[in-house]
Amino acid sequence: MNKENKIKLFLVDDDAIFLKLLEIEFLEQANFDIETYATGELCLDNLSHNPDVIILDYHLDGIDKDAMNGIEILDKIVALDTNIPVIMLSSQDKIDVAINCMHHKAVDYVVKSETAAIRLKKIITSITEYKKMEKTLNWYMDRV
């Protein structure tokens, strides 16, 4: 996490309305620094901003039919930095889609619904708590 203890969060979705709704949900909590992107390519171009977590839509061809899909973007993120947790988001409530995302190293899969933001916040809390424990353990192991 960044210096101000804010979680740097990338929201990536080609559905402008859903993207704005998600952004508003997370902005209601003061502990998020949010960047939104309408395409996966824009997300990739800005990975140097060091996100703590990326929420990535499974389908990303609403704006540009030739745009990379969420799995292709996920693969590129993982290839560039395996330490960035990516949560996949989709309107598809199919187990095979969720399994495919997990095979491509997504940390979780959330179906777009009225409770998606609540579930995403819980997952992000788990990720940040895990990172804190990992940091503490590494600090301890360096001193032993």
N, C-alpha and C. Protein backbone atom coordinates (compact mmCIF):
# COMPACT_ATOMS: atom_id res chain seq x y z
N MET A 1 0.83 -1.18 0.00
CA MET A 1 0.00 0.00 0.00
C MET A 1 0.87 1.24 0.00
N ASN A 2 0.31 2.34 -0.44
CA ASN A 2 1.09 3.55 -0.54
C ASN A 2 1.30 4.20 0.82
N LYS A 3 2.07 5.28 0.82
CA LYS A 3 2.50 5.93 2.04
C LYS A 3 1.36 6.43 2.92
N GLU A 4 0.29 6.87 2.32
CA GLU A 4 -0.81 7.45 3.07
C GLU A 4 -1.77 6.39 3.61
N ASN A 5 -1.39 5.13 3.52
CA ASN A 5 -2.24 4.00 3.92
C ASN A 5 -3.52 3.92 3.11
N LYS A 6 -3.53 4.55 1.96
CA LYS A 6 -4.66 4.40 1.05
C LYS A 6 -4.34 3.24 0.11
N ILE A 7 -5.36 2.51 -0.23
CA ILE A 7 -5.22 1.39 -1.16
C ILE A 7 -5.37 1.95 -2.57
N LYS A 8 -4.31 1.79 -3.36
CA LYS A 8 -4.33 2.24 -4.76
C LYS A 8 -5.11 1.20 -5.56
N LEU A 9 -6.28 1.58 -6.04
CA LEU A 9 -7.19 0.67 -6.69
C LEU A 9 -7.42 1.08 -8.14
N PHE A 10 -7.20 0.13 -9.06
CA PHE A 10 -7.52 0.33 -10.47
C PHE A 10 -8.86 -0.36 -10.72
N LEU A 11 -9.81 0.38 -11.30
CA LEU A 11 -11.08 -0.18 -11.73
C LEU A 11 -11.08 -0.17 -13.25
N VAL A 12 -11.27 -1.34 -13.87
CA VAL A 12 -11.20 -1.44 -15.33
C VAL A 12 -12.48 -2.09 -15.83
N ASP A 13 -13.29 -1.29 -16.56
CA ASP A 13 -14.55 -1.81 -17.09
C ASP A 13 -14.98 -0.93 -18.26
N ASP A 14 -15.45 -1.54 -19.32
CA ASP A 14 -15.89 -0.78 -20.49
C ASP A 14 -17.33 -0.30 -20.37
N ASP A 15 -18.02 -0.71 -19.32
CA ASP A 15 -19.38 -0.24 -19.05
C ASP A 15 -19.26 1.01 -18.18
N ALA A 16 -19.40 2.18 -18.81
CA ALA A 16 -19.17 3.45 -18.14
C ALA A 16 -20.06 3.64 -16.91
N ILE A 17 -21.29 3.20 -16.99
CA ILE A 17 -22.20 3.37 -15.85
C ILE A 17 -21.79 2.50 -14.68
N PHE A 18 -21.50 1.23 -14.95
CA PHE A 18 -21.07 0.34 -13.87
C PHE A 18 -19.74 0.81 -13.29
N LEU A 19 -18.83 1.27 -14.14
CA LEU A 19 -17.54 1.77 -13.69
C LEU A 19 -17.73 2.95 -12.73
N LYS A 20 -18.62 3.87 -13.08
CA LYS A 20 -18.88 5.04 -12.23
C LYS A 20 -19.53 4.62 -10.92
N LEU A 21 -20.46 3.68 -10.97
CA LEU A 21 -21.09 3.18 -9.76
C LEU A 21 -20.07 2.55 -8.81
N LEU A 22 -19.18 1.75 -9.38
CA LEU A 22 -18.13 1.14 -8.56
C LEU A 22 -17.23 2.20 -7.94
N GLU A 23 -16.84 3.17 -8.76
CA GLU A 23 -15.98 4.24 -8.26
C GLU A 23 -16.64 4.97 -7.09
N ILE A 24 -17.91 5.28 -7.22
CA ILE A 24 -18.64 5.97 -6.14
C ILE A 24 -18.68 5.12 -4.89
N GLU A 25 -18.94 3.81 -5.06
CA GLU A 25 -18.97 2.90 -3.91
C GLU A 25 -17.66 2.92 -3.14
N PHE A 26 -16.54 2.88 -3.88
CA PHE A 26 -15.24 2.86 -3.21
C PHE A 26 -14.83 4.22 -2.69
N LEU A 27 -15.26 5.29 -3.34
CA LEU A 27 -14.92 6.64 -2.88
C LEU A 27 -15.62 6.98 -1.57
N GLU A 28 -16.71 6.30 -1.28
CA GLU A 28 -17.40 6.53 -0.01
C GLU A 28 -16.53 6.16 1.18
N GLN A 29 -15.54 5.32 0.93
CA GLN A 29 -14.58 4.98 1.97
C GLN A 29 -13.31 5.76 1.69
N ALA A 30 -12.79 6.42 2.67
CA ALA A 30 -11.65 7.32 2.49
C ALA A 30 -10.33 6.59 2.27
N ASN A 31 -10.32 5.29 2.40
CA ASN A 31 -9.04 4.58 2.32
C ASN A 31 -8.69 4.07 0.92
N PHE A 32 -9.31 4.64 -0.12
CA PHE A 32 -9.01 4.23 -1.48
C PHE A 32 -8.54 5.41 -2.33
N ASP A 33 -7.50 5.15 -3.10
CA ASP A 33 -7.04 6.07 -4.14
C ASP A 33 -7.36 5.35 -5.44
N ILE A 34 -8.31 5.88 -6.20
CA ILE A 34 -8.88 5.14 -7.34
C ILE A 34 -8.50 5.74 -8.67
N GLU A 35 -8.15 4.85 -9.59
CA GLU A 35 -7.97 5.22 -10.99
C GLU A 35 -8.90 4.33 -11.79
N THR A 36 -9.64 4.92 -12.73
CA THR A 36 -10.57 4.15 -13.55
C THR A 36 -10.10 4.14 -15.00
N TYR A 37 -10.34 3.01 -15.65
CA TYR A 37 -9.95 2.84 -17.05
C TYR A 37 -11.06 2.12 -17.81
N ALA A 38 -11.36 2.62 -19.01
CA ALA A 38 -12.41 2.03 -19.83
C ALA A 38 -11.90 0.88 -20.69
N THR A 39 -10.56 0.73 -20.78
CA THR A 39 -9.99 -0.39 -21.54
C THR A 39 -8.85 -1.01 -20.75
N GLY A 40 -8.60 -2.27 -21.04
CA GLY A 40 -7.48 -2.96 -20.41
C GLY A 40 -6.15 -2.38 -20.86
N GLU A 41 -6.10 -1.92 -22.10
CA GLU A 41 -4.86 -1.35 -22.63
C GLU A 41 -4.46 -0.10 -21.84
N LEU A 42 -5.44 0.73 -21.48
CA LEU A 42 -5.15 1.92 -20.67
C LEU A 42 -4.64 1.52 -19.28
N CYS A 43 -5.21 0.47 -18.74
CA CYS A 43 -4.75 -0.05 -17.45
C CYS A 43 -3.28 -0.47 -17.55
N LEU A 44 -2.96 -1.23 -18.58
CA LEU A 44 -1.57 -1.67 -18.78
C LEU A 44 -0.62 -0.49 -18.92
N ASP A 45 -1.06 0.53 -19.65
CA ASP A 45 -0.22 1.71 -19.86
C ASP A 45 0.08 2.46 -18.57
N ASN A 46 -0.74 2.23 -17.54
CA ASN A 46 -0.59 2.97 -16.29
C ASN A 46 -0.16 2.10 -15.10
N LEU A 47 0.31 0.89 -15.37
CA LEU A 47 0.76 0.03 -14.27
C LEU A 47 1.92 0.64 -13.47
N SER A 48 2.61 1.60 -14.07
CA SER A 48 3.70 2.28 -13.35
C SER A 48 3.17 3.09 -12.17
N HIS A 49 1.86 3.28 -12.08
CA HIS A 49 1.26 3.98 -10.94
C HIS A 49 1.14 3.07 -9.72
N ASN A 50 1.61 1.84 -9.87
CA ASN A 50 1.71 0.86 -8.79
C ASN A 50 0.41 0.59 -8.03
N PRO A 51 -0.56 -0.01 -8.70
CA PRO A 51 -1.80 -0.33 -7.99
C PRO A 51 -1.58 -1.43 -6.95
N ASP A 52 -2.33 -1.34 -5.86
CA ASP A 52 -2.31 -2.40 -4.85
C ASP A 52 -3.23 -3.54 -5.26
N VAL A 53 -4.32 -3.18 -5.94
CA VAL A 53 -5.31 -4.16 -6.38
C VAL A 53 -5.92 -3.65 -7.69
N ILE A 54 -6.22 -4.60 -8.60
CA ILE A 54 -6.91 -4.26 -9.84
C ILE A 54 -8.21 -5.06 -9.90
N ILE A 55 -9.31 -4.35 -10.17
CA ILE A 55 -10.58 -5.01 -10.43
C ILE A 55 -10.80 -4.90 -11.93
N LEU A 56 -10.86 -6.05 -12.58
CA LEU A 56 -10.80 -6.12 -14.04
C LEU A 56 -12.03 -6.84 -14.61
N ASP A 57 -12.72 -6.18 -15.52
CA ASP A 57 -13.88 -6.77 -16.19
C ASP A 57 -13.44 -7.90 -17.11
N TYR A 58 -14.24 -8.94 -17.16
CA TYR A 58 -13.94 -10.10 -18.00
C TYR A 58 -14.09 -9.77 -19.48
N HIS A 59 -15.15 -9.05 -19.83
CA HIS A 59 -15.36 -8.63 -21.22
C HIS A 59 -14.99 -7.16 -21.35
N LEU A 60 -14.16 -6.83 -22.29
CA LEU A 60 -13.72 -5.44 -22.46
C LEU A 60 -13.82 -4.98 -23.91
N ASP A 61 -14.87 -5.41 -24.60
CA ASP A 61 -14.98 -5.05 -26.01
C ASP A 61 -16.17 -4.13 -26.31
N GLY A 62 -16.69 -3.49 -25.27
CA GLY A 62 -17.84 -2.63 -25.45
C GLY A 62 -17.52 -1.34 -26.18
N ILE A 63 -16.30 -0.85 -26.03
CA ILE A 63 -15.89 0.40 -26.67
C ILE A 63 -15.20 0.12 -27.99
N ASP A 64 -14.30 -0.85 -27.96
CA ASP A 64 -13.52 -1.20 -29.15
C ASP A 64 -13.63 -2.71 -29.35
N LYS A 65 -14.22 -3.13 -30.43
CA LYS A 65 -14.41 -4.56 -30.68
C LYS A 65 -13.09 -5.32 -30.81
N ASP A 66 -11.99 -4.61 -31.10
CA ASP A 66 -10.68 -5.24 -31.22
C ASP A 66 -9.89 -5.18 -29.91
N ALA A 67 -10.49 -4.66 -28.85
CA ALA A 67 -9.80 -4.55 -27.57
C ALA A 67 -9.50 -5.94 -27.01
N MET A 68 -8.42 -6.01 -26.24
CA MET A 68 -8.11 -7.27 -25.56
C MET A 68 -9.19 -7.54 -24.52
N ASN A 69 -9.49 -8.82 -24.32
CA ASN A 69 -10.47 -9.16 -23.29
C ASN A 69 -9.78 -9.21 -21.92
N GLY A 70 -10.58 -9.39 -20.89
CA GLY A 70 -10.06 -9.38 -19.53
C GLY A 70 -9.00 -10.44 -19.26
N ILE A 71 -9.18 -11.63 -19.82
CA ILE A 71 -8.19 -12.70 -19.62
C ILE A 71 -6.85 -12.32 -20.24
N GLU A 72 -6.88 -11.74 -21.43
CA GLU A 72 -5.63 -11.32 -22.09
C GLU A 72 -4.94 -10.23 -21.27
N ILE A 73 -5.71 -9.30 -20.73
CA ILE A 73 -5.14 -8.24 -19.89
C ILE A 73 -4.60 -8.86 -18.60
N LEU A 74 -5.34 -9.77 -18.01
CA LEU A 74 -4.90 -10.46 -16.79
C LEU A 74 -3.56 -11.14 -17.03
N ASP A 75 -3.45 -11.86 -18.14
CA ASP A 75 -2.19 -12.54 -18.47
C ASP A 75 -1.02 -11.56 -18.58
N LYS A 76 -1.27 -10.41 -19.19
CA LYS A 76 -0.22 -9.40 -19.34
C LYS A 76 0.17 -8.81 -17.99
N ILE A 77 -0.80 -8.56 -17.13
CA ILE A 77 -0.51 -8.02 -15.80
C ILE A 77 0.34 -9.02 -15.02
N VAL A 78 -0.08 -10.28 -15.03
CA VAL A 78 0.66 -11.33 -14.30
C VAL A 78 2.08 -11.46 -14.85
N ALA A 79 2.24 -11.36 -16.16
CA ALA A 79 3.57 -11.46 -16.78
C ALA A 79 4.46 -10.29 -16.36
N LEU A 80 3.86 -9.13 -16.17
CA LEU A 80 4.63 -7.93 -15.80
C LEU A 80 4.92 -7.86 -14.30
N ASP A 81 3.96 -8.29 -13.47
CA ASP A 81 4.13 -8.19 -12.02
C ASP A 81 3.19 -9.17 -11.33
N THR A 82 3.74 -10.25 -10.82
CA THR A 82 2.92 -11.27 -10.16
C THR A 82 2.41 -10.83 -8.79
N ASN A 83 2.90 -9.71 -8.28
CA ASN A 83 2.50 -9.24 -6.96
C ASN A 83 1.26 -8.36 -6.96
N ILE A 84 0.71 -8.06 -8.13
CA ILE A 84 -0.50 -7.24 -8.19
C ILE A 84 -1.71 -8.17 -8.19
N PRO A 85 -2.50 -8.16 -7.12
CA PRO A 85 -3.70 -9.01 -7.11
C PRO A 85 -4.75 -8.46 -8.08
N VAL A 86 -5.31 -9.35 -8.88
CA VAL A 86 -6.34 -8.97 -9.84
C VAL A 86 -7.61 -9.75 -9.52
N ILE A 87 -8.69 -9.00 -9.32
CA ILE A 87 -10.01 -9.58 -9.09
C ILE A 87 -10.79 -9.43 -10.38
N MET A 88 -11.25 -10.53 -10.92
CA MET A 88 -12.03 -10.49 -12.15
C MET A 88 -13.50 -10.24 -11.83
N LEU A 89 -14.13 -9.47 -12.71
CA LEU A 89 -15.52 -9.08 -12.52
C LEU A 89 -16.26 -9.36 -13.82
N SER A 90 -17.44 -9.97 -13.71
CA SER A 90 -18.18 -10.29 -14.93
C SER A 90 -19.67 -10.39 -14.64
N SER A 91 -20.46 -10.17 -15.66
CA SER A 91 -21.90 -10.36 -15.54
C SER A 91 -22.26 -11.84 -15.72
N GLN A 92 -21.28 -12.64 -16.09
CA GLN A 92 -21.53 -14.07 -16.30
C GLN A 92 -21.45 -14.84 -14.99
N ASP A 93 -22.50 -15.54 -14.69
CA ASP A 93 -22.56 -16.35 -13.47
C ASP A 93 -22.34 -17.81 -13.85
N LYS A 94 -21.20 -18.06 -14.51
CA LYS A 94 -20.89 -19.41 -14.97
C LYS A 94 -19.61 -19.89 -14.29
N ILE A 95 -19.67 -21.09 -13.76
CA ILE A 95 -18.54 -21.63 -13.02
C ILE A 95 -17.31 -21.80 -13.91
N ASP A 96 -17.50 -22.16 -15.18
CA ASP A 96 -16.35 -22.37 -16.06
C ASP A 96 -15.62 -21.05 -16.33
N VAL A 97 -16.34 -19.94 -16.35
CA VAL A 97 -15.69 -18.63 -16.52
C VAL A 97 -14.86 -18.31 -15.28
N ALA A 98 -15.43 -18.54 -14.11
CA ALA A 98 -14.72 -18.29 -12.86
C ALA A 98 -13.46 -19.17 -12.76
N ILE A 99 -13.59 -20.43 -13.11
CA ILE A 99 -12.45 -21.36 -13.07
C ILE A 99 -11.37 -20.91 -14.05
N ASN A 100 -11.77 -20.49 -15.23
CA ASN A 100 -10.81 -20.01 -16.22
C ASN A 100 -10.03 -18.81 -15.67
N CYS A 101 -10.72 -17.90 -15.03
CA CYS A 101 -10.05 -16.74 -14.44
C CYS A 101 -9.03 -17.16 -13.38
N MET A 102 -9.41 -18.11 -12.55
CA MET A 102 -8.51 -18.57 -11.50
C MET A 102 -7.30 -19.30 -12.09
N HIS A 103 -7.49 -20.02 -13.18
CA HIS A 103 -6.38 -20.68 -13.86
C HIS A 103 -5.38 -19.67 -14.42
N HIS A 104 -5.89 -18.49 -14.74
CA HIS A 104 -5.03 -17.43 -15.27
C HIS A 104 -4.47 -16.54 -14.16
N LYS A 105 -4.60 -16.99 -12.92
CA LYS A 105 -3.99 -16.34 -11.74
C LYS A 105 -4.76 -15.14 -11.19
N ALA A 106 -6.06 -15.05 -11.45
CA ALA A 106 -6.87 -14.05 -10.75
C ALA A 106 -6.98 -14.49 -9.30
N VAL A 107 -7.03 -13.55 -8.37
CA VAL A 107 -7.16 -13.93 -6.97
C VAL A 107 -8.60 -14.27 -6.59
N ASP A 108 -9.55 -13.73 -7.38
CA ASP A 108 -10.95 -14.05 -7.12
C ASP A 108 -11.80 -13.65 -8.32
N TYR A 109 -13.06 -14.04 -8.28
CA TYR A 109 -14.00 -13.79 -9.36
C TYR A 109 -15.31 -13.33 -8.73
N VAL A 110 -15.83 -12.19 -9.19
CA VAL A 110 -17.06 -11.64 -8.63
C VAL A 110 -18.04 -11.40 -9.77
N VAL A 111 -19.28 -11.82 -9.55
CA VAL A 111 -20.34 -11.60 -10.53
C VAL A 111 -20.93 -10.22 -10.29
N LYS A 112 -21.12 -9.46 -11.38
CA LYS A 112 -21.74 -8.14 -11.28
C LYS A 112 -23.17 -8.30 -10.76
N SER A 113 -23.44 -7.63 -9.67
CA SER A 113 -24.77 -7.66 -9.06
C SER A 113 -24.88 -6.48 -8.11
N GLU A 114 -26.02 -6.37 -7.46
CA GLU A 114 -26.19 -5.28 -6.50
C GLU A 114 -25.31 -5.44 -5.26
N THR A 115 -24.80 -6.64 -5.03
CA THR A 115 -23.92 -6.87 -3.87
C THR A 115 -22.44 -7.00 -4.27
N ALA A 116 -22.12 -6.76 -5.53
CA ALA A 116 -20.74 -6.92 -6.01
C ALA A 116 -19.77 -6.02 -5.25
N ALA A 117 -20.14 -4.77 -5.01
CA ALA A 117 -19.23 -3.84 -4.32
C ALA A 117 -18.92 -4.31 -2.90
N ILE A 118 -19.92 -4.83 -2.22
CA ILE A 118 -19.70 -5.34 -0.86
C ILE A 118 -18.72 -6.51 -0.90
N ARG A 119 -18.93 -7.43 -1.82
CA ARG A 119 -18.04 -8.59 -1.95
C ARG A 119 -16.63 -8.15 -2.32
N LEU A 120 -16.50 -7.20 -3.24
CA LEU A 120 -15.18 -6.69 -3.65
C LEU A 120 -14.45 -6.07 -2.47
N LYS A 121 -15.16 -5.29 -1.67
CA LYS A 121 -14.53 -4.66 -0.50
C LYS A 121 -14.02 -5.71 0.48
N LYS A 122 -14.79 -6.78 0.69
CA LYS A 122 -14.37 -7.86 1.58
C LYS A 122 -13.12 -8.55 1.04
N ILE A 123 -13.08 -8.79 -0.25
CA ILE A 123 -11.91 -9.43 -0.86
C ILE A 123 -10.68 -8.52 -0.73
N ILE A 124 -10.85 -7.24 -1.00
CA ILE A 124 -9.74 -6.29 -0.89
C ILE A 124 -9.24 -6.21 0.55
N THR A 125 -10.15 -6.23 1.51
CA THR A 125 -9.75 -6.24 2.93
C THR A 125 -8.91 -7.48 3.23
N SER A 126 -9.33 -8.63 2.73
CA SER A 126 -8.57 -9.87 2.93
C SER A 126 -7.18 -9.77 2.30
N ILE A 127 -7.12 -9.22 1.09
CA ILE A 127 -5.83 -9.07 0.41
C ILE A 127 -4.90 -8.16 1.20
N THR A 128 -5.41 -7.03 1.66
CA THR A 128 -4.55 -6.08 2.38
C THR A 128 -4.12 -6.63 3.74
N GLU A 129 -5.01 -7.36 4.41
CA GLU A 129 -4.63 -7.99 5.68
C GLU A 129 -3.54 -9.03 5.45
N TYR A 130 -3.68 -9.81 4.40
CA TYR A 130 -2.66 -10.81 4.07
C TYR A 130 -1.31 -10.14 3.78
N LYS A 131 -1.35 -9.04 3.02
CA LYS A 131 -0.10 -8.32 2.71
C LYS A 131 0.56 -7.78 3.97
N LYS A 132 -0.26 -7.29 4.92
CA LYS A 132 0.29 -6.79 6.19
C LYS A 132 0.95 -7.92 6.97
N MET A 133 0.28 -9.07 7.03
CA MET A 133 0.85 -10.22 7.75
C MET A 133 2.14 -10.68 7.08
N GLU A 134 2.14 -10.70 5.75
CA GLU A 134 3.33 -11.11 5.01
C GLU A 134 4.49 -10.15 5.28
N LYS A 135 4.20 -8.86 5.31
CA LYS A 135 5.22 -7.85 5.58
C LYS A 135 5.78 -8.01 6.99
N THR A 136 4.90 -8.25 7.95
CA THR A 136 5.33 -8.46 9.34
C THR A 136 6.18 -9.72 9.45
N LEU A 137 5.76 -10.78 8.79
CA LEU A 137 6.53 -12.02 8.82
C LEU A 137 7.91 -11.83 8.19
N ASN A 138 7.96 -11.14 7.06
CA ASN A 138 9.25 -10.86 6.42
C ASN A 138 10.15 -10.02 7.33
N TRP A 139 9.57 -9.02 7.98
CA TRP A 139 10.33 -8.19 8.92
C TRP A 139 10.89 -9.05 10.04
N TYR A 140 10.08 -9.94 10.58
CA TYR A 140 10.50 -10.81 11.66
C TYR A 140 11.59 -11.77 11.19
N MET A 141 11.41 -12.37 10.03
CA MET A 141 12.36 -13.35 9.51
C MET A 141 13.72 -12.70 9.22
N ASP A 142 13.72 -11.42 8.85
CA ASP A 142 14.98 -10.70 8.62
C ASP A 142 15.77 -10.50 9.91
N ARG A 143 15.10 -10.54 11.03
CA ARG A 143 15.76 -10.29 12.31
C ARG A 143 16.14 -11.57 13.05
N VAL A 144 15.65 -12.69 12.59
CA VAL A 144 15.94 -13.97 13.25
C VAL A 144 17.24 -14.54 12.73
